[in-house]
């Protein structure tokens, strides 16, 4: 969607966001850091733009056609 992302620093989010390249990862359950990162993002148009662009680039790895082809390859290899 081309939006900047803030997510919990848990394995699934870390993987999808490529270790923080595609969004801001914050410690799980740490509300103070969430607020700080969100506030920082809200104040910086440049940061929002950069993160949104990275998120868009990364989203291409999760395109349904690509994912389906990878599952087909996996199933054919079994």
N, C-alpha and C. Protein backbone atom coordinates (compact mmCIF):
# COMPACT_ATOMS: atom_id res chain seq x y z
N UNK A 1 0.82 -1.20 0.00
CA UNK A 1 0.00 0.00 0.00
C UNK A 1 0.86 1.26 0.00
N UNK A 2 2.15 1.10 0.14
CA UNK A 2 3.02 2.27 0.15
C UNK A 2 2.94 3.08 1.43
N UNK A 3 2.73 2.39 2.54
CA UNK A 3 2.65 3.07 3.83
C UNK A 3 3.83 2.67 4.70
N UNK A 4 4.32 3.58 5.54
CA UNK A 4 5.39 3.21 6.46
C UNK A 4 4.83 2.25 7.51
N UNK A 5 5.68 1.36 7.99
CA UNK A 5 5.22 0.32 8.91
C UNK A 5 5.99 0.39 10.22
N UNK A 6 5.25 0.24 11.32
CA UNK A 6 5.83 0.02 12.64
C UNK A 6 5.25 -1.30 13.11
N UNK A 7 6.14 -2.21 13.54
CA UNK A 7 5.68 -3.54 13.95
C UNK A 7 6.49 -4.04 15.13
N UNK A 8 5.93 -5.01 15.84
CA UNK A 8 6.65 -5.63 16.94
C UNK A 8 7.86 -6.39 16.41
N UNK A 9 8.92 -6.36 17.16
CA UNK A 9 10.13 -7.07 16.79
C UNK A 9 9.99 -8.53 17.20
N UNK A 10 9.21 -9.25 16.42
CA UNK A 10 8.99 -10.68 16.62
C UNK A 10 9.40 -11.37 15.32
N UNK A 11 9.68 -12.68 15.37
CA UNK A 11 10.21 -13.35 14.18
C UNK A 11 9.46 -13.10 12.87
N UNK A 12 8.16 -13.22 12.84
CA UNK A 12 7.42 -13.06 11.58
C UNK A 12 7.56 -11.64 11.03
N UNK A 13 7.41 -10.64 11.88
CA UNK A 13 7.53 -9.24 11.43
C UNK A 13 8.96 -8.94 11.01
N UNK A 14 9.91 -9.48 11.77
CA UNK A 14 11.32 -9.27 11.44
C UNK A 14 11.63 -9.84 10.05
N UNK A 15 11.09 -11.01 9.77
CA UNK A 15 11.32 -11.64 8.47
C UNK A 15 10.68 -10.84 7.34
N UNK A 16 9.41 -10.49 7.50
CA UNK A 16 8.69 -9.76 6.45
C UNK A 16 9.30 -8.38 6.21
N UNK A 17 9.73 -7.74 7.26
CA UNK A 17 10.31 -6.40 7.13
C UNK A 17 11.82 -6.45 6.90
N UNK A 18 12.34 -7.62 6.63
CA UNK A 18 13.76 -7.82 6.32
C UNK A 18 14.65 -7.15 7.35
N UNK A 19 14.46 -7.59 8.60
CA UNK A 19 15.28 -7.12 9.73
C UNK A 19 15.19 -5.61 9.95
N UNK A 20 14.06 -5.01 9.60
CA UNK A 20 13.87 -3.57 9.84
C UNK A 20 14.13 -2.71 8.62
N UNK A 21 14.53 -3.29 7.52
CA UNK A 21 14.77 -2.50 6.30
C UNK A 21 13.46 -1.91 5.77
N UNK A 22 12.37 -2.65 5.90
CA UNK A 22 11.10 -2.22 5.35
C UNK A 22 10.15 -1.60 6.34
N UNK A 23 10.61 -1.35 7.54
CA UNK A 23 9.75 -0.76 8.55
C UNK A 23 10.49 -0.67 9.88
N UNK A 24 9.86 -0.04 10.82
CA UNK A 24 10.46 0.14 12.14
C UNK A 24 10.03 -1.03 13.02
N UNK A 25 11.01 -1.70 13.61
CA UNK A 25 10.72 -2.79 14.55
C UNK A 25 10.92 -2.27 15.97
N UNK A 26 9.94 -2.54 16.81
CA UNK A 26 10.04 -2.10 18.21
C UNK A 26 9.86 -3.31 19.12
N UNK A 27 10.48 -3.26 20.30
CA UNK A 27 10.35 -4.38 21.23
C UNK A 27 8.87 -4.67 21.53
N UNK A 28 8.56 -5.94 21.50
CA UNK A 28 7.18 -6.37 21.75
C UNK A 28 6.69 -5.87 23.11
N UNK A 29 5.54 -5.21 23.10
CA UNK A 29 4.90 -4.76 24.32
C UNK A 29 5.48 -3.50 24.95
N UNK A 30 6.47 -2.88 24.34
CA UNK A 30 7.07 -1.68 24.92
C UNK A 30 6.35 -0.44 24.38
N UNK A 31 5.30 -0.03 25.08
CA UNK A 31 4.44 1.07 24.63
C UNK A 31 5.20 2.38 24.53
N UNK A 32 6.14 2.64 25.45
CA UNK A 32 6.89 3.90 25.42
C UNK A 32 7.68 4.03 24.11
N UNK A 33 8.33 2.95 23.69
CA UNK A 33 9.10 3.01 22.45
C UNK A 33 8.17 3.10 21.24
N UNK A 34 7.04 2.38 21.28
CA UNK A 34 6.05 2.49 20.20
C UNK A 34 5.64 3.96 20.03
N UNK A 35 5.30 4.61 21.15
CA UNK A 35 4.87 6.01 21.09
C UNK A 35 5.97 6.90 20.54
N UNK A 36 7.20 6.67 21.00
CA UNK A 36 8.34 7.47 20.55
C UNK A 36 8.57 7.29 19.05
N UNK A 37 8.55 6.06 18.57
CA UNK A 37 8.78 5.79 17.15
C UNK A 37 7.64 6.33 16.29
N UNK A 38 6.42 6.18 16.75
CA UNK A 38 5.26 6.69 16.02
C UNK A 38 5.31 8.21 15.94
N UNK A 39 5.63 8.84 17.06
CA UNK A 39 5.74 10.30 17.09
C UNK A 39 6.82 10.78 16.13
N UNK A 40 7.95 10.11 16.14
CA UNK A 40 9.06 10.46 15.25
C UNK A 40 8.64 10.33 13.79
N UNK A 41 7.95 9.26 13.49
CA UNK A 41 7.48 9.01 12.13
C UNK A 41 6.46 10.06 11.69
N UNK A 42 5.59 10.43 12.60
CA UNK A 42 4.57 11.43 12.28
C UNK A 42 5.19 12.80 12.01
N UNK A 43 6.32 13.08 12.64
CA UNK A 43 6.97 14.39 12.49
C UNK A 43 7.89 14.47 11.27
N UNK A 44 8.24 13.32 10.68
CA UNK A 44 9.21 13.32 9.60
C UNK A 44 8.62 12.79 8.29
N UNK A 45 8.26 13.72 7.43
CA UNK A 45 7.72 13.32 6.12
C UNK A 45 8.76 12.52 5.34
N UNK A 46 10.02 12.92 5.44
CA UNK A 46 11.09 12.22 4.73
C UNK A 46 11.20 10.76 5.19
N UNK A 47 11.16 10.55 6.50
CA UNK A 47 11.25 9.19 7.04
C UNK A 47 10.06 8.36 6.58
N UNK A 48 8.87 8.95 6.60
CA UNK A 48 7.67 8.23 6.14
C UNK A 48 7.81 7.84 4.68
N UNK A 49 8.30 8.77 3.88
CA UNK A 49 8.47 8.52 2.45
C UNK A 49 9.48 7.39 2.21
N UNK A 50 10.63 7.46 2.89
CA UNK A 50 11.65 6.43 2.71
C UNK A 50 11.16 5.05 3.14
N UNK A 51 10.52 4.98 4.30
CA UNK A 51 10.01 3.69 4.78
C UNK A 51 8.90 3.15 3.88
N UNK A 52 8.04 4.04 3.41
CA UNK A 52 6.96 3.61 2.51
C UNK A 52 7.53 3.05 1.22
N UNK A 53 8.56 3.68 0.68
CA UNK A 53 9.18 3.17 -0.54
C UNK A 53 9.84 1.81 -0.32
N UNK A 54 10.51 1.65 0.80
CA UNK A 54 11.13 0.35 1.10
C UNK A 54 10.06 -0.72 1.28
N UNK A 55 8.98 -0.38 1.96
CA UNK A 55 7.88 -1.34 2.15
C UNK A 55 7.30 -1.76 0.81
N UNK A 56 7.16 -0.82 -0.10
CA UNK A 56 6.66 -1.14 -1.44
C UNK A 56 7.58 -2.11 -2.16
N UNK A 57 8.88 -1.86 -2.08
CA UNK A 57 9.86 -2.75 -2.73
C UNK A 57 9.76 -4.16 -2.15
N UNK A 58 9.71 -4.24 -0.84
CA UNK A 58 9.66 -5.54 -0.17
C UNK A 58 8.36 -6.27 -0.47
N UNK A 59 7.29 -5.53 -0.61
CA UNK A 59 5.98 -6.17 -0.86
C UNK A 59 5.98 -7.01 -2.13
N UNK A 60 6.86 -6.68 -3.08
CA UNK A 60 6.92 -7.44 -4.33
C UNK A 60 7.35 -8.88 -4.09
N UNK A 61 8.09 -9.14 -3.01
CA UNK A 61 8.49 -10.50 -2.67
C UNK A 61 7.30 -11.35 -2.22
N UNK A 62 6.21 -10.69 -1.87
CA UNK A 62 5.03 -11.39 -1.35
C UNK A 62 3.86 -11.35 -2.32
N UNK A 63 4.13 -11.00 -3.57
CA UNK A 63 3.10 -11.00 -4.61
C UNK A 63 2.52 -12.41 -4.72
N UNK A 64 1.21 -12.51 -4.82
CA UNK A 64 0.53 -13.81 -4.82
C UNK A 64 1.05 -14.73 -5.93
N UNK A 65 1.33 -14.19 -7.10
CA UNK A 65 1.82 -15.02 -8.21
C UNK A 65 3.19 -15.61 -7.88
N UNK A 66 4.04 -14.82 -7.30
CA UNK A 66 5.36 -15.30 -6.92
C UNK A 66 5.27 -16.36 -5.83
N UNK A 67 4.45 -16.10 -4.83
CA UNK A 67 4.31 -17.03 -3.71
C UNK A 67 3.72 -18.35 -4.19
N UNK A 68 2.71 -18.30 -5.04
CA UNK A 68 2.10 -19.53 -5.56
C UNK A 68 3.13 -20.34 -6.33
N UNK A 69 3.92 -19.69 -7.16
CA UNK A 69 4.95 -20.40 -7.92
C UNK A 69 5.97 -21.07 -7.00
N UNK A 70 6.32 -20.41 -5.92
CA UNK A 70 7.27 -21.00 -4.97
C UNK A 70 6.66 -22.23 -4.28
N UNK A 71 5.37 -22.16 -3.94
CA UNK A 71 4.71 -23.32 -3.34
C UNK A 71 4.63 -24.47 -4.35
N UNK A 72 4.36 -24.18 -5.58
CA UNK A 72 4.31 -25.23 -6.62
C UNK A 72 5.67 -25.89 -6.76
N UNK A 73 6.74 -25.11 -6.78
CA UNK A 73 8.08 -25.67 -6.86
C UNK A 73 8.36 -26.58 -5.66
N UNK A 74 7.97 -26.10 -4.48
CA UNK A 74 8.18 -26.88 -3.26
C UNK A 74 7.41 -28.21 -3.32
N UNK A 75 6.17 -28.16 -3.71
CA UNK A 75 5.36 -29.37 -3.78
C UNK A 75 5.87 -30.33 -4.84
N UNK A 76 6.35 -29.83 -5.93
CA UNK A 76 6.89 -30.67 -6.99
C UNK A 76 8.21 -31.33 -6.57
N UNK A 77 8.92 -30.69 -5.65
CA UNK A 77 10.19 -31.24 -5.18
C UNK A 77 10.00 -32.36 -4.16
N UNK A 78 8.81 -32.49 -3.63
CA UNK A 78 8.56 -33.50 -2.58
C UNK A 78 8.36 -34.86 -3.21
